[in-house]
Amino acid sequence: MPGDFLPSVRVPITAPTGWAERILTGGRGLLRIDGVDEIPEPERERVRTWLHDLLIAFPGNDWLITSRPSAVTNSWLTDLGFAELTLSPMSRDDVAAFITRWHD
């Protein structure tokens, strides 16, 4: 469950009780799941099922799943409503603008 995300990766921050569930139930969340390519191939179907279950439990949120292009097929999450995008190379100025805009 979302409330278990921070403790499961040993983040030393404690969110208020029920906070993650309130955000996600309200459809106001942005979930970023990074490194699908680092998950061993035999376990990826389990991760795909986990993502599917989260989408059903918490509809209306924004999702960003990242992976190296060669690690998963183009259509790995298509039937779950995901579109594949490719991140273009960024210059130092692009990175600085991205960071500034993110924090603004």
PDB file of N, CA and C in Angstrom:
ATOM      1  N   MET A   1       0.835  -1.190   0.000  1.00  0.00           N
ATOM      2  CA  MET A   1       0.000   0.000   0.000  1.00  0.00           C
ATOM      3  C   MET A   1       0.880   1.254   0.000  1.00  0.00           C
ATOM      4  N   PRO A   2       0.371   2.348  -0.527  1.00  0.00           N
ATOM      5  CA  PRO A   2       1.165   3.575  -0.610  1.00  0.00           C
ATOM      6  C   PRO A   2       1.744   4.034   0.718  1.00  0.00           C
ATOM      7  N   GLY A   3       1.043   3.847   1.797  1.00  0.00           N
ATOM      8  CA  GLY A   3       1.566   4.246   3.097  1.00  0.00           C
ATOM      9  C   GLY A   3       2.821   3.493   3.490  1.00  0.00           C
ATOM     10  N   ASP A   4       3.072   2.371   2.813  1.00  0.00           N
ATOM     11  CA  ASP A   4       4.254   1.560   3.096  1.00  0.00           C
ATOM     12  C   ASP A   4       5.445   1.919   2.206  1.00  0.00           C
ATOM     13  N   PHE A   5       5.254   2.815   1.221  1.00  0.00           N
ATOM     14  CA  PHE A   5       6.318   3.118   0.271  1.00  0.00           C
ATOM     15  C   PHE A   5       7.571   3.647   0.966  1.00  0.00           C
ATOM     16  N   LEU A   6       7.438   4.674   1.782  1.00  0.00           N
ATOM     17  CA  LEU A   6       8.625   5.276   2.402  1.00  0.00           C
ATOM     18  C   LEU A   6       9.353   4.299   3.321  1.00  0.00           C
ATOM     19  N   PRO A   7       8.649   3.637   4.241  1.00  0.00           N
ATOM     20  CA  PRO A   7       9.366   2.682   5.102  1.00  0.00           C
ATOM     21  C   PRO A   7      10.001   1.522   4.324  1.00  0.00           C
ATOM     22  N   SER A   8       9.393   1.117   3.221  1.00  0.00           N
ATOM     23  CA  SER A   8       9.925  -0.030   2.489  1.00  0.00           C
ATOM     24  C   SER A   8      11.270   0.259   1.835  1.00  0.00           C
ATOM     25  N   VAL A   9      11.555   1.528   1.581  1.00  0.00           N
ATOM     26  CA  VAL A   9      12.852   1.894   1.004  1.00  0.00           C
ATOM     27  C   VAL A   9      13.719   2.638   2.014  1.00  0.00           C
ATOM     28  N   ARG A  10      13.345   2.511   3.275  1.00  0.00           N
ATOM     29  CA  ARG A  10      14.115   3.052   4.401  1.00  0.00           C
ATOM     30  C   ARG A  10      14.306   4.566   4.355  1.00  0.00           C
ATOM     31  N   VAL A  11      13.280   5.298   3.904  1.00  0.00           N
ATOM     32  CA  VAL A  11      13.324   6.761   3.945  1.00  0.00           C
ATOM     33  C   VAL A  11      13.034   7.178   5.381  1.00  0.00           C
ATOM     34  N   PRO A  12      13.894   7.994   5.975  1.00  0.00           N
ATOM     35  CA  PRO A  12      13.728   8.342   7.389  1.00  0.00           C
ATOM     36  C   PRO A  12      12.710   9.447   7.644  1.00  0.00           C
ATOM     37  N   ILE A  13      11.671   9.494   6.840  1.00  0.00           N
ATOM     38  CA  ILE A  13      10.611  10.493   7.002  1.00  0.00           C
ATOM     39  C   ILE A  13       9.319   9.727   7.254  1.00  0.00           C
ATOM     40  N   THR A  14       8.529  10.202   8.177  1.00  0.00           N
ATOM     41  CA  THR A  14       7.249   9.566   8.443  1.00  0.00           C
ATOM     42  C   THR A  14       6.142  10.497   7.992  1.00  0.00           C
ATOM     43  N   ALA A  15       5.384  10.054   7.007  1.00  0.00           N
ATOM     44  CA  ALA A  15       4.238  10.846   6.542  1.00  0.00           C
ATOM     45  C   ALA A  15       3.122  10.732   7.580  1.00  0.00           C
ATOM     46  N   PRO A  16       2.259  11.747   7.661  1.00  0.00           N
ATOM     47  CA  PRO A  16       1.123  11.645   8.580  1.00  0.00           C
ATOM     48  C   PRO A  16       0.286  10.408   8.254  1.00  0.00           C
ATOM     49  N   THR A  17      -0.270   9.799   9.258  1.00  0.00           N
ATOM     50  CA  THR A  17      -1.075   8.595   9.076  1.00  0.00           C
ATOM     51  C   THR A  17      -2.172   8.828   8.044  1.00  0.00           C
ATOM     52  N   GLY A  18      -2.221   7.953   7.049  1.00  0.00           N
ATOM     53  CA  GLY A  18      -3.247   8.017   6.017  1.00  0.00           C
ATOM     54  C   GLY A  18      -3.020   9.052   4.931  1.00  0.00           C
ATOM     55  N   TRP A  19      -1.924   9.808   5.016  1.00  0.00           N
ATOM     56  CA  TRP A  19      -1.676  10.884   4.056  1.00  0.00           C
ATOM     57  C   TRP A  19      -1.606  10.366   2.621  1.00  0.00           C
ATOM     58  N   ALA A  20      -0.787   9.359   2.369  1.00  0.00           N
ATOM     59  CA  ALA A  20      -0.624   8.852   1.001  1.00  0.00           C
ATOM     60  C   ALA A  20      -1.956   8.354   0.444  1.00  0.00           C
ATOM     61  N   GLU A  21      -2.698   7.635   1.248  1.00  0.00           N
ATOM     62  CA  GLU A  21      -3.986   7.123   0.790  1.00  0.00           C
ATOM     63  C   GLU A  21      -4.972   8.254   0.492  1.00  0.00           C
ATOM     64  N   ARG A  22      -4.958   9.319   1.296  1.00  0.00           N
ATOM     65  CA  ARG A  22      -5.856  10.462   1.042  1.00  0.00           C
ATOM     66  C   ARG A  22      -5.496  11.151  -0.283  1.00  0.00           C
ATOM     67  N   ILE A  23      -4.215  11.348  -0.499  1.00  0.00           N
ATOM     68  CA  ILE A  23      -3.776  11.988  -1.746  1.00  0.00           C
ATOM     69  C   ILE A  23      -4.176  11.132  -2.942  1.00  0.00           C
ATOM     70  N   LEU A  24      -3.891   9.847  -2.871  1.00  0.00           N
ATOM     71  CA  LEU A  24      -4.147   8.958  -4.003  1.00  0.00           C
ATOM     72  C   LEU A  24      -5.628   8.681  -4.198  1.00  0.00           C
ATOM     73  N   THR A  25      -6.370   8.567  -3.136  1.00  0.00           N
ATOM     74  CA  THR A  25      -7.814   8.361  -3.254  1.00  0.00           C
ATOM     75  C   THR A  25      -8.472   9.586  -3.883  1.00  0.00           C
ATOM     76  N   GLY A  26      -7.919  10.767  -3.609  1.00  0.00           N
ATOM     77  CA  GLY A  26      -8.436  12.003  -4.180  1.00  0.00           C
ATOM     78  C   GLY A  26      -7.961  12.255  -5.608  1.00  0.00           C
ATOM     79  N   GLY A  27      -7.133  11.367  -6.150  1.00  0.00           N
ATOM     80  CA  GLY A  27      -6.639  11.541  -7.516  1.00  0.00           C
ATOM     81  C   GLY A  27      -5.689  12.709  -7.670  1.00  0.00           C
ATOM     82  N   ARG A  28      -4.960  13.054  -6.591  1.00  0.00           N
ATOM     83  CA  ARG A  28      -4.067  14.213  -6.619  1.00  0.00           C
ATOM     84  C   ARG A  28      -2.596  13.830  -6.567  1.00  0.00           C
ATOM     85  N   GLY A  29      -2.306  12.547  -6.823  1.00  0.00           N
ATOM     86  CA  GLY A  29      -0.937  12.072  -6.677  1.00  0.00           C
ATOM     87  C   GLY A  29      -0.169  11.988  -7.980  1.00  0.00           C
ATOM     88  N   LEU A  30       1.128  12.038  -7.844  1.00  0.00           N
ATOM     89  CA  LEU A  30       2.046  11.750  -8.936  1.00  0.00           C
ATOM     90  C   LEU A  30       2.945  10.641  -8.418  1.00  0.00           C
ATOM     91  N   LEU A  31       2.815   9.476  -9.011  1.00  0.00           N
ATOM     92  CA  LEU A  31       3.633   8.347  -8.599  1.00  0.00           C
ATOM     93  C   LEU A  31       4.706   8.102  -9.643  1.00  0.00           C
ATOM     94  N   ARG A  32       5.936   8.083  -9.197  1.00  0.00           N
ATOM     95  CA  ARG A  32       7.069   7.850 -10.085  1.00  0.00           C
ATOM     96  C   ARG A  32       7.729   6.562  -9.640  1.00  0.00           C
ATOM     97  N   ILE A  33       7.731   5.606 -10.522  1.00  0.00           N
ATOM     98  CA  ILE A  33       8.350   4.314 -10.239  1.00  0.00           C
ATOM     99  C   ILE A  33       9.524   4.193 -11.196  1.00  0.00           C
ATOM    100  N   ASP A  34      10.704   4.228 -10.628  1.00  0.00           N
ATOM    101  CA  ASP A  34      11.928   4.300 -11.416  1.00  0.00           C
ATOM    102  C   ASP A  34      12.643   2.957 -11.423  1.00  0.00           C
ATOM    103  N   GLY A  35      13.271   2.661 -12.543  1.00  0.00           N
ATOM    104  CA  GLY A  35      14.175   1.524 -12.591  1.00  0.00           C
ATOM    105  C   GLY A  35      13.545   0.184 -12.859  1.00  0.00           C
ATOM    106  N   VAL A  36      12.483   0.142 -13.656  1.00  0.00           N
ATOM    107  CA  VAL A  36      11.872  -1.146 -13.986  1.00  0.00           C
ATOM    108  C   VAL A  36      12.919  -2.064 -14.618  1.00  0.00           C
ATOM    109  N   ASP A  37      13.871  -1.479 -15.326  1.00  0.00           N
ATOM    110  CA  ASP A  37      14.923  -2.272 -15.959  1.00  0.00           C
ATOM    111  C   ASP A  37      15.808  -2.986 -14.942  1.00  0.00           C
ATOM    112  N   GLU A  38      15.804  -2.539 -13.694  1.00  0.00           N
ATOM    113  CA  GLU A  38      16.626  -3.168 -12.660  1.00  0.00           C
ATOM    114  C   GLU A  38      15.925  -4.356 -12.001  1.00  0.00           C
ATOM    115  N   ILE A  39      14.662  -4.536 -12.310  1.00  0.00           N
ATOM    116  CA  ILE A  39      13.911  -5.667 -11.767  1.00  0.00           C
ATOM    117  C   ILE A  39      14.236  -6.898 -12.612  1.00  0.00           C
ATOM    118  N   PRO A  40      14.616  -7.998 -11.997  1.00  0.00           N
ATOM    119  CA  PRO A  40      14.917  -9.195 -12.780  1.00  0.00           C
ATOM    120  C   PRO A  40      13.721  -9.594 -13.654  1.00  0.00           C
ATOM    121  N   GLU A  41      14.024 -10.008 -14.856  1.00  0.00           N
ATOM    122  CA  GLU A  41      12.995 -10.380 -15.833  1.00  0.00           C
ATOM    123  C   GLU A  41      11.902 -11.288 -15.265  1.00  0.00           C
ATOM    124  N   PRO A  42      12.256 -12.336 -14.506  1.00  0.00           N
ATOM    125  CA  PRO A  42      11.196 -13.225 -13.993  1.00  0.00           C
ATOM    126  C   PRO A  42      10.220 -12.542 -13.020  1.00  0.00           C
ATOM    127  N   GLU A  43      10.612 -11.408 -12.445  1.00  0.00           N
ATOM    128  CA  GLU A  43       9.758 -10.722 -11.473  1.00  0.00           C
ATOM    129  C   GLU A  43       8.938  -9.589 -12.082  1.00  0.00           C
ATOM    130  N   ARG A  44       9.160  -9.259 -13.336  1.00  0.00           N
ATOM    131  CA  ARG A  44       8.478  -8.107 -13.946  1.00  0.00           C
ATOM    132  C   ARG A  44       6.978  -8.308 -14.076  1.00  0.00           C
ATOM    133  N   GLU A  45       6.526  -9.518 -14.298  1.00  0.00           N
ATOM    134  CA  GLU A  45       5.079  -9.744 -14.396  1.00  0.00           C
ATOM    135  C   GLU A  45       4.409  -9.461 -13.058  1.00  0.00           C
ATOM    136  N   ARG A  46       5.080  -9.789 -11.980  1.00  0.00           N
ATOM    137  CA  ARG A  46       4.549  -9.487 -10.640  1.00  0.00           C
ATOM    138  C   ARG A  46       4.461  -7.974 -10.435  1.00  0.00           C
ATOM    139  N   VAL A  47       5.450  -7.238 -10.921  1.00  0.00           N
ATOM    140  CA  VAL A  47       5.443  -5.776 -10.830  1.00  0.00           C
ATOM    141  C   VAL A  47       4.316  -5.205 -11.684  1.00  0.00           C
ATOM    142  N   ARG A  48       4.127  -5.767 -12.854  1.00  0.00           N
ATOM    143  CA  ARG A  48       3.043  -5.327 -13.742  1.00  0.00           C
ATOM    144  C   ARG A  48       1.689  -5.531 -13.075  1.00  0.00           C
ATOM    145  N   THR A  49       1.504  -6.658 -12.410  1.00  0.00           N
ATOM    146  CA  THR A  49       0.263  -6.917 -11.676  1.00  0.00           C
ATOM    147  C   THR A  49       0.100  -5.931 -10.526  1.00  0.00           C
ATOM    148  N   TRP A  50       1.185  -5.635  -9.833  1.00  0.00           N
ATOM    149  CA  TRP A  50       1.159  -4.658  -8.743  1.00  0.00           C
ATOM    150  C   TRP A  50       0.737  -3.288  -9.258  1.00  0.00           C
ATOM    151  N   LEU A  51       1.296  -2.870 -10.409  1.00  0.00           N
ATOM    152  CA  LEU A  51       0.904  -1.592 -11.011  1.00  0.00           C
ATOM    153  C   LEU A  51      -0.579  -1.595 -11.391  1.00  0.00           C
ATOM    154  N   HIS A  52      -1.029  -2.672 -11.986  1.00  0.00           N
ATOM    155  CA  HIS A  52      -2.441  -2.803 -12.370  1.00  0.00           C
ATOM    156  C   HIS A  52      -3.341  -2.644 -11.146  1.00  0.00           C
ATOM    157  N   ASP A  53      -2.985  -3.314 -10.066  1.00  0.00           N
ATOM    158  CA  ASP A  53      -3.783  -3.229  -8.836  1.00  0.00           C
ATOM    159  C   ASP A  53      -3.798  -1.807  -8.272  1.00  0.00           C
ATOM    160  N   LEU A  54      -2.661  -1.118  -8.333  1.00  0.00           N
ATOM    161  CA  LEU A  54      -2.614   0.276  -7.871  1.00  0.00           C
ATOM    162  C   LEU A  54      -3.481   1.184  -8.735  1.00  0.00           C
ATOM    163  N   LEU A  55      -3.458   0.965 -10.048  1.00  0.00           N
ATOM    164  CA  LEU A  55      -4.286   1.771 -10.956  1.00  0.00           C
ATOM    165  C   LEU A  55      -5.770   1.600 -10.651  1.00  0.00           C
ATOM    166  N   ILE A  56      -6.165   0.405 -10.340  1.00  0.00           N
ATOM    167  CA  ILE A  56      -7.569   0.144 -10.002  1.00  0.00           C
ATOM    168  C   ILE A  56      -7.908   0.764  -8.648  1.00  0.00           C
ATOM    169  N   ALA A  57      -7.018   0.603  -7.679  1.00  0.00           N
ATOM    170  CA  ALA A  57      -7.284   1.109  -6.329  1.00  0.00           C
ATOM    171  C   ALA A  57      -7.259   2.635  -6.262  1.00  0.00           C
ATOM    172  N   PHE A  58      -6.439   3.276  -7.099  1.00  0.00           N
ATOM    173  CA  PHE A  58      -6.250   4.720  -7.020  1.00  0.00           C
ATOM    174  C   PHE A  58      -6.333   5.360  -8.402  1.00  0.00           C
ATOM    175  N   PRO A  59      -7.508   5.368  -9.004  1.00  0.00           N
ATOM    176  CA  PRO A  59      -7.644   5.973 -10.340  1.00  0.00           C
ATOM    177  C   PRO A  59      -7.516   7.494 -10.286  1.00  0.00           C
ATOM    178  N   GLY A  60      -7.177   8.076 -11.434  1.00  0.00           N
ATOM    179  CA  GLY A  60      -7.154   9.536 -11.549  1.00  0.00           C
ATOM    180  C   GLY A  60      -5.841  10.185 -11.192  1.00  0.00           C
ATOM    181  N   ASN A  61      -4.859   9.408 -10.792  1.00  0.00           N
ATOM    182  CA  ASN A  61      -3.548   9.969 -10.463  1.00  0.00           C
ATOM    183  C   ASN A  61      -2.656   9.969 -11.702  1.00  0.00           C
ATOM    184  N   ASP A  62      -1.548  10.676 -11.614  1.00  0.00           N
ATOM    185  CA  ASP A  62      -0.560  10.675 -12.686  1.00  0.00           C
ATOM    186  C   ASP A  62       0.532   9.667 -12.334  1.00  0.00           C
ATOM    187  N   TRP A  63       1.009   8.963 -13.342  1.00  0.00           N
ATOM    188  CA  TRP A  63       1.983   7.897 -13.146  1.00  0.00           C
ATOM    189  C   TRP A  63       3.149   8.096 -14.101  1.00  0.00           C
ATOM    190  N   LEU A  64       4.347   7.874 -13.625  1.00  0.00           N
ATOM    191  CA  LEU A  64       5.538   7.932 -14.457  1.00  0.00           C
ATOM    192  C   LEU A  64       6.380   6.707 -14.112  1.00  0.00           C
ATOM    193  N   ILE A  65       6.492   5.809 -15.077  1.00  0.00           N
ATOM    194  CA  ILE A  65       7.266   4.582 -14.896  1.00  0.00           C
ATOM    195  C   ILE A  65       8.488   4.705 -15.789  1.00  0.00           C
ATOM    196  N   THR A  66       9.682   4.541 -15.227  1.00  0.00           N
ATOM    197  CA  THR A  66      10.882   4.721 -16.031  1.00  0.00           C
ATOM    198  C   THR A  66      11.668   3.429 -16.168  1.00  0.00           C
ATOM    199  N   SER A  67      12.317   3.323 -17.325  1.00  0.00           N
ATOM    200  CA  SER A  67      13.134   2.162 -17.640  1.00  0.00           C
ATOM    201  C   SER A  67      14.023   2.509 -18.824  1.00  0.00           C
ATOM    202  N   ARG A  68      15.149   1.830 -18.925  1.00  0.00           N
ATOM    203  CA  ARG A  68      15.935   1.949 -20.154  1.00  0.00           C
ATOM    204  C   ARG A  68      15.110   1.330 -21.273  1.00  0.00           C
ATOM    205  N   PRO A  69      15.165   1.909 -22.464  1.00  0.00           N
ATOM    206  CA  PRO A  69      14.331   1.423 -23.572  1.00  0.00           C
ATOM    207  C   PRO A  69      14.530  -0.043 -23.912  1.00  0.00           C
ATOM    208  N   SER A  70      15.729  -0.537 -23.776  1.00  0.00           N
ATOM    209  CA  SER A  70      15.999  -1.918 -24.174  1.00  0.00           C
ATOM    210  C   SER A  70      15.539  -2.945 -23.142  1.00  0.00           C
ATOM    211  N   ALA A  71      15.110  -2.504 -21.977  1.00  0.00           N
ATOM    212  CA  ALA A  71      14.798  -3.448 -20.899  1.00  0.00           C
ATOM    213  C   ALA A  71      13.409  -4.068 -21.004  1.00  0.00           C
ATOM    214  N   VAL A  72      12.455  -3.332 -21.512  1.00  0.00           N
ATOM    215  CA  VAL A  72      11.088  -3.853 -21.620  1.00  0.00           C
ATOM    216  C   VAL A  72      10.567  -3.592 -23.031  1.00  0.00           C
ATOM    217  N   THR A  73       9.586  -4.362 -23.436  1.00  0.00           N
ATOM    218  CA  THR A  73       9.029  -4.161 -24.772  1.00  0.00           C
ATOM    219  C   THR A  73       8.213  -2.872 -24.815  1.00  0.00           C
ATOM    220  N   ASN A  74       8.050  -2.323 -26.001  1.00  0.00           N
ATOM    221  CA  ASN A  74       7.298  -1.074 -26.173  1.00  0.00           C
ATOM    222  C   ASN A  74       5.887  -1.158 -25.634  1.00  0.00           C
ATOM    223  N   SER A  75       5.293  -2.319 -25.685  1.00  0.00           N
ATOM    224  CA  SER A  75       3.884  -2.450 -25.301  1.00  0.00           C
ATOM    225  C   SER A  75       3.697  -3.019 -23.908  1.00  0.00           C
ATOM    226  N   TRP A  76       4.726  -3.035 -23.087  1.00  0.00           N
ATOM    227  CA  TRP A  76       4.678  -3.687 -21.784  1.00  0.00           C
ATOM    228  C   TRP A  76       3.515  -3.198 -20.920  1.00  0.00           C
ATOM    229  N   LEU A  77       3.202  -1.913 -20.960  1.00  0.00           N
ATOM    230  CA  LEU A  77       2.115  -1.361 -20.140  1.00  0.00           C
ATOM    231  C   LEU A  77       1.021  -0.692 -20.973  1.00  0.00           C
ATOM    232  N   THR A  78       1.035  -0.887 -22.277  1.00  0.00           N
ATOM    233  CA  THR A  78       0.063  -0.243 -23.158  1.00  0.00           C
ATOM    234  C   THR A  78      -1.371  -0.575 -22.774  1.00  0.00           C
ATOM    235  N   ASP A  79      -1.648  -1.836 -22.489  1.00  0.00           N
ATOM    236  CA  ASP A  79      -3.028  -2.217 -22.165  1.00  0.00           C
ATOM    237  C   ASP A  79      -3.484  -1.678 -20.813  1.00  0.00           C
ATOM    238  N   LEU A  80      -2.565  -1.126 -20.023  1.00  0.00           N
ATOM    239  CA  LEU A  80      -2.940  -0.480 -18.762  1.00  0.00           C
ATOM    240  C   LEU A  80      -3.147   1.023 -18.952  1.00  0.00           C
ATOM    241  N   GLY A  81      -3.016   1.489 -20.198  1.00  0.00           N
ATOM    242  CA  GLY A  81      -3.262   2.891 -20.495  1.00  0.00           C
ATOM    243  C   GLY A  81      -2.011   3.757 -20.538  1.00  0.00           C
ATOM    244  N   PHE A  82      -0.840   3.147 -20.455  1.00  0.00           N
ATOM    245  CA  PHE A  82       0.397   3.915 -20.492  1.00  0.00           C
ATOM    246  C   PHE A  82       0.836   4.144 -21.930  1.00  0.00           C
ATOM    247  N   ALA A  83       1.446   5.285 -22.160  1.00  0.00           N
ATOM    248  CA  ALA A  83       2.054   5.599 -23.452  1.00  0.00           C
ATOM    249  C   ALA A  83       3.563   5.632 -23.243  1.00  0.00           C
ATOM    250  N   GLU A  84       4.296   5.226 -24.252  1.00  0.00           N
ATOM    251  CA  GLU A  84       5.745   5.250 -24.146  1.00  0.00           C
ATOM    252  C   GLU A  84       6.279   6.574 -24.669  1.00  0.00           C
ATOM    253  N   LEU A  85       7.163   7.168 -23.897  1.00  0.00           N
ATOM    254  CA  LEU A  85       7.817   8.418 -24.286  1.00  0.00           C
ATOM    255  C   LEU A  85       9.317   8.222 -24.178  1.00  0.00           C
ATOM    256  N   THR A  86      10.055   9.008 -24.923  1.00  0.00           N
ATOM    257  CA  THR A  86      11.504   8.956 -24.867  1.00  0.00           C
ATOM    258  C   THR A  86      12.010  10.305 -24.394  1.00  0.00           C
ATOM    259  N   LEU A  87      12.876  10.281 -23.415  1.00  0.00           N
ATOM    260  CA  LEU A  87      13.466  11.503 -22.895  1.00  0.00           C
ATOM    261  C   LEU A  87      14.611  11.919 -23.805  1.00  0.00           C
ATOM    262  N   SER A  88      14.553  13.136 -24.292  1.00  0.00           N
ATOM    263  CA  SER A  88      15.604  13.657 -25.161  1.00  0.00           C
ATOM    264  C   SER A  88      16.807  14.081 -24.327  1.00  0.00           C
ATOM    265  N   PRO A  89      17.973  14.061 -24.926  1.00  0.00           N
ATOM    266  CA  PRO A  89      19.162  14.528 -24.206  1.00  0.00           C
ATOM    267  C   PRO A  89      18.974  15.982 -23.758  1.00  0.00           C
ATOM    268  N   MET A  90      19.558  16.312 -22.607  1.00  0.00           N
ATOM    269  CA  MET A  90      19.426  17.658 -22.060  1.00  0.00           C
ATOM    270  C   MET A  90      20.812  18.278 -21.877  1.00  0.00           C
ATOM    271  N   SER A  91      20.925  19.562 -22.246  1.00  0.00           N
ATOM    272  CA  SER A  91      22.165  20.304 -22.014  1.00  0.00           C
ATOM    273  C   SER A  91      22.194  20.752 -20.547  1.00  0.00           C
ATOM    274  N   ARG A  92      23.290  21.330 -20.126  1.00  0.00           N
ATOM    275  CA  ARG A  92      23.379  21.866 -18.752  1.00  0.00           C
ATOM    276  C   ARG A  92      22.293  22.920 -18.511  1.00  0.00           C
ATOM    277  N   ASP A  93      22.067  23.780 -19.514  1.00  0.00           N
ATOM    278  CA  ASP A  93      21.036  24.811 -19.384  1.00  0.00           C
ATOM    279  C   ASP A  93      19.652  24.178 -19.278  1.00  0.00           C
ATOM    280  N   ASP A  94      19.412  23.112 -20.049  1.00  0.00           N
ATOM    281  CA  ASP A  94      18.128  22.407 -19.969  1.00  0.00           C
ATOM    282  C   ASP A  94      17.921  21.828 -18.576  1.00  0.00           C
ATOM    283  N   VAL A  95      18.966  21.214 -18.025  1.00  0.00           N
ATOM    284  CA  VAL A  95      18.870  20.615 -16.691  1.00  0.00           C
ATOM    285  C   VAL A  95      18.583  21.700 -15.657  1.00  0.00           C
ATOM    286  N   ALA A  96      19.278  22.822 -15.748  1.00  0.00           N
ATOM    287  CA  ALA A  96      19.056  23.922 -14.800  1.00  0.00           C
ATOM    288  C   ALA A  96      17.623  24.446 -14.904  1.00  0.00           C
ATOM    289  N   ALA A  97      17.118  24.603 -16.121  1.00  0.00           N
ATOM    290  CA  ALA A  97      15.735  25.073 -16.313  1.00  0.00           C
ATOM    291  C   ALA A  97      14.745  24.063 -15.763  1.00  0.00           C
ATOM    292  N   PHE A  98      14.998  22.777 -15.993  1.00  0.00           N
ATOM    293  CA  PHE A  98      14.117  21.730 -15.478  1.00  0.00           C
ATOM    294  C   PHE A  98      14.043  21.787 -13.953  1.00  0.00           C
ATOM    295  N   ILE A  99      15.194  21.875 -13.311  1.00  0.00           N
ATOM    296  CA  ILE A  99      15.225  21.917 -11.836  1.00  0.00           C
ATOM    297  C   ILE A  99      14.495  23.141 -11.318  1.00  0.00           C
ATOM    298  N   THR A 100      14.736  24.292 -11.925  1.00  0.00           N
ATOM    299  CA  THR A 100      14.059  25.527 -11.506  1.00  0.00           C
ATOM    300  C   THR A 100      12.543  25.396 -11.652  1.00  0.00           C
ATOM    301  N   ARG A 101      12.100  24.914 -12.810  1.00  0.00           N
ATOM    302  CA  ARG A 101      10.655  24.771 -13.048  1.00  0.00           C
ATOM    303  C   ARG A 101      10.030  23.740 -12.137  1.00  0.00           C
ATOM    304  N   TRP A 102      10.741  22.659 -11.855  1.00  0.00           N
ATOM    305  CA  TRP A 102      10.229  21.616 -10.956  1.00  0.00           C
ATOM    306  C   TRP A 102       9.932  22.214  -9.583  1.00  0.00           C
ATOM    307  N   HIS A 103      10.884  22.991  -9.078  1.00  0.00           N
ATOM    308  CA  HIS A 103      10.731  23.556  -7.736  1.00  0.00           C
ATOM    309  C   HIS A 103       9.763  24.739  -7.703  1.00  0.00           C
ATOM    310  N   ASP A 104       9.595  25.433  -8.826  1.00  0.00           N
ATOM    311  CA  ASP A 104       8.599  26.510  -8.877  1.00  0.00           C
ATOM    312  C   ASP A 104       7.213  25.919  -8.820  1.00  0.00           C
TER     313      ASP A 104
END
